[in-house]
């Protein structure tokens, strides 16, 4: 069974950084980070939850925020 490039990445193995799935994830993350940093958003933690997977109660992240 062949692993996807994302599975390789998550397993700490060598992977192709230009894989179409990973590039799509990267581009989406860049759009969300840009939105977080440039727009006035009622609930910025919603964007951060998408990017980071979870935001605990009381967490505060200041702009500018960078991740990929």
PDB file of N, CA and C in Angstrom:
ATOM      1  N   UNK A   1       0.851  -1.180   0.000  1.00  0.00           N
ATOM      2  CA  UNK A   1       0.000   0.000   0.000  1.00  0.00           C
ATOM      3  C   UNK A   1       0.899   1.246   0.000  1.00  0.00           C
ATOM      4  N   UNK A   2       0.663   2.109  -0.929  1.00  0.00           N
ATOM      5  CA  UNK A   2       1.456   3.329  -1.048  1.00  0.00           C
ATOM      6  C   UNK A   2       0.867   4.425  -0.176  1.00  0.00           C
ATOM      7  N   UNK A   3       1.732   5.100   0.558  1.00  0.00           N
ATOM      8  CA  UNK A   3       1.279   6.210   1.411  1.00  0.00           C
ATOM      9  C   UNK A   3       1.184   7.488   0.590  1.00  0.00           C
ATOM     10  N   UNK A   4       0.243   8.351   0.960  1.00  0.00           N
ATOM     11  CA  UNK A   4       0.163   9.655   0.322  1.00  0.00           C
ATOM     12  C   UNK A   4       1.304  10.526   0.834  1.00  0.00           C
ATOM     13  N   UNK A   5       1.558  11.605   0.151  1.00  0.00           N
ATOM     14  CA  UNK A   5       2.604  12.526   0.595  1.00  0.00           C
ATOM     15  C   UNK A   5       2.243  13.143   1.948  1.00  0.00           C
ATOM     16  N   UNK A   6       0.963  13.377   2.181  1.00  0.00           N
ATOM     17  CA  UNK A   6       0.524  13.904   3.474  1.00  0.00           C
ATOM     18  C   UNK A   6       0.787  12.888   4.587  1.00  0.00           C
ATOM     19  N   UNK A   7       0.511  11.623   4.318  1.00  0.00           N
ATOM     20  CA  UNK A   7       0.776  10.576   5.308  1.00  0.00           C
ATOM     21  C   UNK A   7       2.274  10.488   5.609  1.00  0.00           C
ATOM     22  N   UNK A   8       3.090  10.609   4.566  1.00  0.00           N
ATOM     23  CA  UNK A   8       4.537  10.605   4.779  1.00  0.00           C
ATOM     24  C   UNK A   8       4.954  11.774   5.658  1.00  0.00           C
ATOM     25  N   UNK A   9       4.422  12.967   5.365  1.00  0.00           N
ATOM     26  CA  UNK A   9       4.722  14.164   6.152  1.00  0.00           C
ATOM     27  C   UNK A   9       4.377  13.942   7.619  1.00  0.00           C
ATOM     28  N   UNK A  10       3.172  13.433   7.862  1.00  0.00           N
ATOM     29  CA  UNK A  10       2.713  13.218   9.236  1.00  0.00           C
ATOM     30  C   UNK A  10       3.496  12.130   9.958  1.00  0.00           C
ATOM     31  N   UNK A  11       4.092  11.211   9.198  1.00  0.00           N
ATOM     32  CA  UNK A  11       4.916  10.145   9.786  1.00  0.00           C
ATOM     33  C   UNK A  11       6.372  10.536   9.941  1.00  0.00           C
ATOM     34  N   UNK A  12       6.711  11.762   9.542  1.00  0.00           N
ATOM     35  CA  UNK A  12       8.083  12.222   9.670  1.00  0.00           C
ATOM     36  C   UNK A  12       9.021  11.664   8.609  1.00  0.00           C
ATOM     37  N   UNK A  13       8.453  11.197   7.513  1.00  0.00           N
ATOM     38  CA  UNK A  13       9.251  10.646   6.424  1.00  0.00           C
ATOM     39  C   UNK A  13       9.482  11.712   5.354  1.00  0.00           C
ATOM     40  N   UNK A  14      10.389  11.412   4.433  1.00  0.00           N
ATOM     41  CA  UNK A  14      10.603  12.306   3.304  1.00  0.00           C
ATOM     42  C   UNK A  14       9.342  12.326   2.450  1.00  0.00           C
ATOM     43  N   UNK A  15       8.975  13.509   1.953  1.00  0.00           N
ATOM     44  CA  UNK A  15       7.775  13.649   1.145  1.00  0.00           C
ATOM     45  C   UNK A  15       7.985  14.736   0.100  1.00  0.00           C
ATOM     46  N   UNK A  16       7.133  14.723  -0.907  1.00  0.00           N
ATOM     47  CA  UNK A  16       7.187  15.694  -1.988  1.00  0.00           C
ATOM     48  C   UNK A  16       6.403  16.941  -1.587  1.00  0.00           C
ATOM     49  N   UNK A  17       7.092  18.035  -1.364  1.00  0.00           N
ATOM     50  CA  UNK A  17       6.437  19.273  -0.927  1.00  0.00           C
ATOM     51  C   UNK A  17       5.565  19.893  -2.006  1.00  0.00           C
ATOM     52  N   UNK A  18       5.718  19.445  -3.239  1.00  0.00           N
ATOM     53  CA  UNK A  18       4.935  19.980  -4.360  1.00  0.00           C
ATOM     54  C   UNK A  18       3.767  19.075  -4.731  1.00  0.00           C
ATOM     55  N   UNK A  19       3.431  18.145  -3.870  1.00  0.00           N
ATOM     56  CA  UNK A  19       2.283  17.280  -4.065  1.00  0.00           C
ATOM     57  C   UNK A  19       1.020  18.135  -4.157  1.00  0.00           C
ATOM     58  N   UNK A  20       0.105  17.787  -5.046  1.00  0.00           N
ATOM     59  CA  UNK A  20      -1.085  18.617  -5.278  1.00  0.00           C
ATOM     60  C   UNK A  20      -1.952  18.773  -4.025  1.00  0.00           C
ATOM     61  N   UNK A  21      -2.106  17.730  -3.228  1.00  0.00           N
ATOM     62  CA  UNK A  21      -2.900  17.834  -1.988  1.00  0.00           C
ATOM     63  C   UNK A  21      -2.236  18.790  -1.005  1.00  0.00           C
ATOM     64  N   UNK A  22      -0.929  18.659  -0.834  1.00  0.00           N
ATOM     65  CA  UNK A  22      -0.209  19.533   0.095  1.00  0.00           C
ATOM     66  C   UNK A  22      -0.190  20.972  -0.395  1.00  0.00           C
ATOM     67  N   UNK A  23      -0.059  21.172  -1.711  1.00  0.00           N
ATOM     68  CA  UNK A  23      -0.077  22.527  -2.258  1.00  0.00           C
ATOM     69  C   UNK A  23      -1.440  23.170  -2.053  1.00  0.00           C
ATOM     70  N   UNK A  24      -2.490  22.412  -2.208  1.00  0.00           N
ATOM     71  CA  UNK A  24      -3.841  22.924  -1.975  1.00  0.00           C
ATOM     72  C   UNK A  24      -4.014  23.332  -0.513  1.00  0.00           C
ATOM     73  N   UNK A  25      -3.529  22.500   0.398  1.00  0.00           N
ATOM     74  CA  UNK A  25      -3.608  22.817   1.826  1.00  0.00           C
ATOM     75  C   UNK A  25      -2.799  24.076   2.140  1.00  0.00           C
ATOM     76  N   UNK A  26      -1.626  24.189   1.546  1.00  0.00           N
ATOM     77  CA  UNK A  26      -0.766  25.355   1.748  1.00  0.00           C
ATOM     78  C   UNK A  26      -1.454  26.630   1.270  1.00  0.00           C
ATOM     79  N   UNK A  27      -2.021  26.584   0.062  1.00  0.00           N
ATOM     80  CA  UNK A  27      -2.685  27.768  -0.490  1.00  0.00           C
ATOM     81  C   UNK A  27      -3.892  28.174   0.358  1.00  0.00           C
ATOM     82  N   UNK A  28      -4.638  27.197   0.830  1.00  0.00           N
ATOM     83  CA  UNK A  28      -5.783  27.499   1.694  1.00  0.00           C
ATOM     84  C   UNK A  28      -5.316  28.128   3.009  1.00  0.00           C
ATOM     85  N   UNK A  29      -4.251  27.596   3.582  1.00  0.00           N
ATOM     86  CA  UNK A  29      -3.715  28.161   4.830  1.00  0.00           C
ATOM     87  C   UNK A  29      -3.260  29.595   4.618  1.00  0.00           C
ATOM     88  N   UNK A  30      -2.608  29.871   3.493  1.00  0.00           N
ATOM     89  CA  UNK A  30      -2.145  31.230   3.199  1.00  0.00           C
ATOM     90  C   UNK A  30      -3.329  32.196   3.098  1.00  0.00           C
ATOM     91  N   UNK A  31      -4.418  31.762   2.459  1.00  0.00           N
ATOM     92  CA  UNK A  31      -5.609  32.599   2.342  1.00  0.00           C
ATOM     93  C   UNK A  31      -6.206  32.894   3.715  1.00  0.00           C
ATOM     94  N   UNK A  32      -6.287  31.873   4.560  1.00  0.00           N
ATOM     95  CA  UNK A  32      -6.855  32.056   5.894  1.00  0.00           C
ATOM     96  C   UNK A  32      -5.977  32.952   6.768  1.00  0.00           C
ATOM     97  N   UNK A  33      -4.662  32.782   6.699  1.00  0.00           N
ATOM     98  CA  UNK A  33      -3.741  33.629   7.465  1.00  0.00           C
ATOM     99  C   UNK A  33      -3.869  35.071   6.999  1.00  0.00           C
ATOM    100  N   UNK A  34      -3.951  35.272   5.690  1.00  0.00           N
ATOM    101  CA  UNK A  34      -4.109  36.622   5.156  1.00  0.00           C
ATOM    102  C   UNK A  34      -5.417  37.245   5.642  1.00  0.00           C
ATOM    103  N   UNK A  35      -6.493  36.477   5.610  1.00  0.00           N
ATOM    104  CA  UNK A  35      -7.792  36.975   6.090  1.00  0.00           C
ATOM    105  C   UNK A  35      -7.704  37.337   7.567  1.00  0.00           C
ATOM    106  N   UNK A  36      -7.099  36.469   8.362  1.00  0.00           N
ATOM    107  CA  UNK A  36      -6.951  36.732   9.792  1.00  0.00           C
ATOM    108  C   UNK A  36      -6.184  38.033  10.036  1.00  0.00           C
ATOM    109  N   UNK A  37      -5.110  38.234   9.269  1.00  0.00           N
ATOM    110  CA  UNK A  37      -4.230  39.376   9.485  1.00  0.00           C
ATOM    111  C   UNK A  37      -4.754  40.693   8.911  1.00  0.00           C
ATOM    112  N   UNK A  38      -5.641  40.659   7.919  1.00  0.00           N
ATOM    113  CA  UNK A  38      -6.013  41.888   7.231  1.00  0.00           C
ATOM    114  C   UNK A  38      -7.460  42.323   7.410  1.00  0.00           C
ATOM    115  N   UNK A  39      -8.325  41.427   7.804  1.00  0.00           N
ATOM    116  CA  UNK A  39      -9.744  41.779   7.901  1.00  0.00           C
ATOM    117  C   UNK A  39     -10.195  41.900   9.347  1.00  0.00           C
ATOM    118  N   UNK A  40     -11.207  42.739   9.555  1.00  0.00           N
ATOM    119  CA  UNK A  40     -11.850  42.799  10.863  1.00  0.00           C
ATOM    120  C   UNK A  40     -12.862  41.659  10.903  1.00  0.00           C
ATOM    121  N   UNK A  41     -12.643  40.736  11.807  1.00  0.00           N
ATOM    122  CA  UNK A  41     -13.448  39.520  11.876  1.00  0.00           C
ATOM    123  C   UNK A  41     -14.117  39.452  13.243  1.00  0.00           C
ATOM    124  N   UNK A  42     -15.421  39.145  13.244  1.00  0.00           N
ATOM    125  CA  UNK A  42     -16.156  39.052  14.505  1.00  0.00           C
ATOM    126  C   UNK A  42     -15.587  37.975  15.424  1.00  0.00           C
ATOM    127  N   UNK A  43     -15.246  36.825  14.872  1.00  0.00           N
ATOM    128  CA  UNK A  43     -14.727  35.728  15.683  1.00  0.00           C
ATOM    129  C   UNK A  43     -13.472  35.153  15.024  1.00  0.00           C
ATOM    130  N   UNK A  44     -12.305  35.771  15.254  1.00  0.00           N
ATOM    131  CA  UNK A  44     -11.081  35.301  14.607  1.00  0.00           C
ATOM    132  C   UNK A  44     -10.680  33.885  15.017  1.00  0.00           C
ATOM    133  N   UNK A  45     -11.153  33.413  16.166  1.00  0.00           N
ATOM    134  CA  UNK A  45     -10.798  32.060  16.587  1.00  0.00           C
ATOM    135  C   UNK A  45     -11.364  30.998  15.652  1.00  0.00           C
ATOM    136  N   UNK A  46     -12.424  31.321  14.901  1.00  0.00           N
ATOM    137  CA  UNK A  46     -12.958  30.360  13.940  1.00  0.00           C
ATOM    138  C   UNK A  46     -11.923  30.068  12.858  1.00  0.00           C
ATOM    139  N   UNK A  47     -11.226  31.098  12.390  1.00  0.00           N
ATOM    140  CA  UNK A  47     -10.161  30.901  11.399  1.00  0.00           C
ATOM    141  C   UNK A  47      -9.017  30.117  12.028  1.00  0.00           C
ATOM    142  N   UNK A  48      -8.661  30.463  13.237  1.00  0.00           N
ATOM    143  CA  UNK A  48      -7.550  29.779  13.903  1.00  0.00           C
ATOM    144  C   UNK A  48      -7.867  28.309  14.154  1.00  0.00           C
ATOM    145  N   UNK A  49      -9.126  27.989  14.435  1.00  0.00           N
ATOM    146  CA  UNK A  49      -9.512  26.584  14.624  1.00  0.00           C
ATOM    147  C   UNK A  49      -9.317  25.791  13.336  1.00  0.00           C
ATOM    148  N   UNK A  50      -9.614  26.424  12.195  1.00  0.00           N
ATOM    149  CA  UNK A  50      -9.415  25.747  10.917  1.00  0.00           C
ATOM    150  C   UNK A  50      -7.920  25.514  10.689  1.00  0.00           C
ATOM    151  N   UNK A  51      -7.111  26.529  10.966  1.00  0.00           N
ATOM    152  CA  UNK A  51      -5.671  26.424  10.743  1.00  0.00           C
ATOM    153  C   UNK A  51      -4.983  25.483  11.717  1.00  0.00           C
ATOM    154  N   UNK A  52      -5.348  25.547  12.988  1.00  0.00           N
ATOM    155  CA  UNK A  52      -4.614  24.838  14.030  1.00  0.00           C
ATOM    156  C   UNK A  52      -5.312  23.587  14.552  1.00  0.00           C
ATOM    157  N   UNK A  53      -6.566  23.419  14.202  1.00  0.00           N
ATOM    158  CA  UNK A  53      -7.296  22.240  14.645  1.00  0.00           C
ATOM    159  C   UNK A  53      -8.114  22.460  15.901  1.00  0.00           C
ATOM    160  N   UNK A  54      -7.637  23.316  16.803  1.00  0.00           N
ATOM    161  CA  UNK A  54      -8.353  23.584  18.054  1.00  0.00           C
ATOM    162  C   UNK A  54      -7.783  24.836  18.696  1.00  0.00           C
ATOM    163  N   UNK A  55      -8.633  25.579  19.347  1.00  0.00           N
ATOM    164  CA  UNK A  55      -8.221  26.736  20.141  1.00  0.00           C
ATOM    165  C   UNK A  55      -8.917  26.609  21.492  1.00  0.00           C
ATOM    166  N   UNK A  56      -8.156  26.501  22.538  1.00  0.00           N
ATOM    167  CA  UNK A  56      -8.727  26.372  23.878  1.00  0.00           C
ATOM    168  C   UNK A  56      -9.291  27.706  24.352  1.00  0.00           C
ATOM    169  N   UNK A  57     -10.190  27.646  25.278  1.00  0.00           N
ATOM    170  CA  UNK A  57     -10.783  28.839  25.883  1.00  0.00           C
ATOM    171  C   UNK A  57      -9.688  29.719  26.469  1.00  0.00           C
ATOM    172  N   UNK A  58      -9.752  31.008  26.198  1.00  0.00           N
ATOM    173  CA  UNK A  58      -8.797  31.954  26.767  1.00  0.00           C
ATOM    174  C   UNK A  58      -7.540  32.175  25.941  1.00  0.00           C
ATOM    175  N   UNK A  59      -7.375  31.422  24.844  1.00  0.00           N
ATOM    176  CA  UNK A  59      -6.205  31.614  23.984  1.00  0.00           C
ATOM    177  C   UNK A  59      -6.395  32.898  23.192  1.00  0.00           C
ATOM    178  N   UNK A  60      -5.336  33.694  23.110  1.00  0.00           N
ATOM    179  CA  UNK A  60      -5.382  34.943  22.354  1.00  0.00           C
ATOM    180  C   UNK A  60      -4.158  35.015  21.464  1.00  0.00           C
ATOM    181  N   UNK A  61      -4.364  35.138  20.172  1.00  0.00           N
ATOM    182  CA  UNK A  61      -3.267  35.259  19.221  1.00  0.00           C
ATOM    183  C   UNK A  61      -3.354  36.621  18.569  1.00  0.00           C
ATOM    184  N   UNK A  62      -2.262  37.368  18.653  1.00  0.00           N
ATOM    185  CA  UNK A  62      -2.193  38.722  18.103  1.00  0.00           C
ATOM    186  C   UNK A  62      -1.794  38.694  16.636  1.00  0.00           C
ATOM    187  N   UNK A  63      -2.222  39.716  15.927  1.00  0.00           N
ATOM    188  CA  UNK A  63      -1.780  39.944  14.556  1.00  0.00           C
ATOM    189  C   UNK A  63      -0.442  40.655  14.596  1.00  0.00           C
ATOM    190  N   UNK A  64       0.447  40.426  13.689  1.00  0.00           N
ATOM    191  CA  UNK A  64       0.358  39.465  12.596  1.00  0.00           C
ATOM    192  C   UNK A  64       0.666  38.045  13.079  1.00  0.00           C
ATOM    193  N   UNK A  65      -0.005  37.122  12.476  1.00  0.00           N
ATOM    194  CA  UNK A  65       0.161  35.701  12.765  1.00  0.00           C
ATOM    195  C   UNK A  65       0.696  35.035  11.505  1.00  0.00           C
ATOM    196  N   UNK A  66       1.672  34.153  11.655  1.00  0.00           N
ATOM    197  CA  UNK A  66       2.280  33.466  10.507  1.00  0.00           C
ATOM    198  C   UNK A  66       2.279  31.961  10.752  1.00  0.00           C
ATOM    199  N   UNK A  67       1.903  31.212   9.753  1.00  0.00           N
ATOM    200  CA  UNK A  67       2.039  29.762   9.767  1.00  0.00           C
ATOM    201  C   UNK A  67       1.877  29.263   8.336  1.00  0.00           C
ATOM    202  N   UNK A  68       2.262  28.003   8.087  1.00  0.00           N
ATOM    203  CA  UNK A  68       2.007  27.412   6.768  1.00  0.00           C
ATOM    204  C   UNK A  68       1.695  25.932   6.925  1.00  0.00           C
TER     205      UNK A  68
END
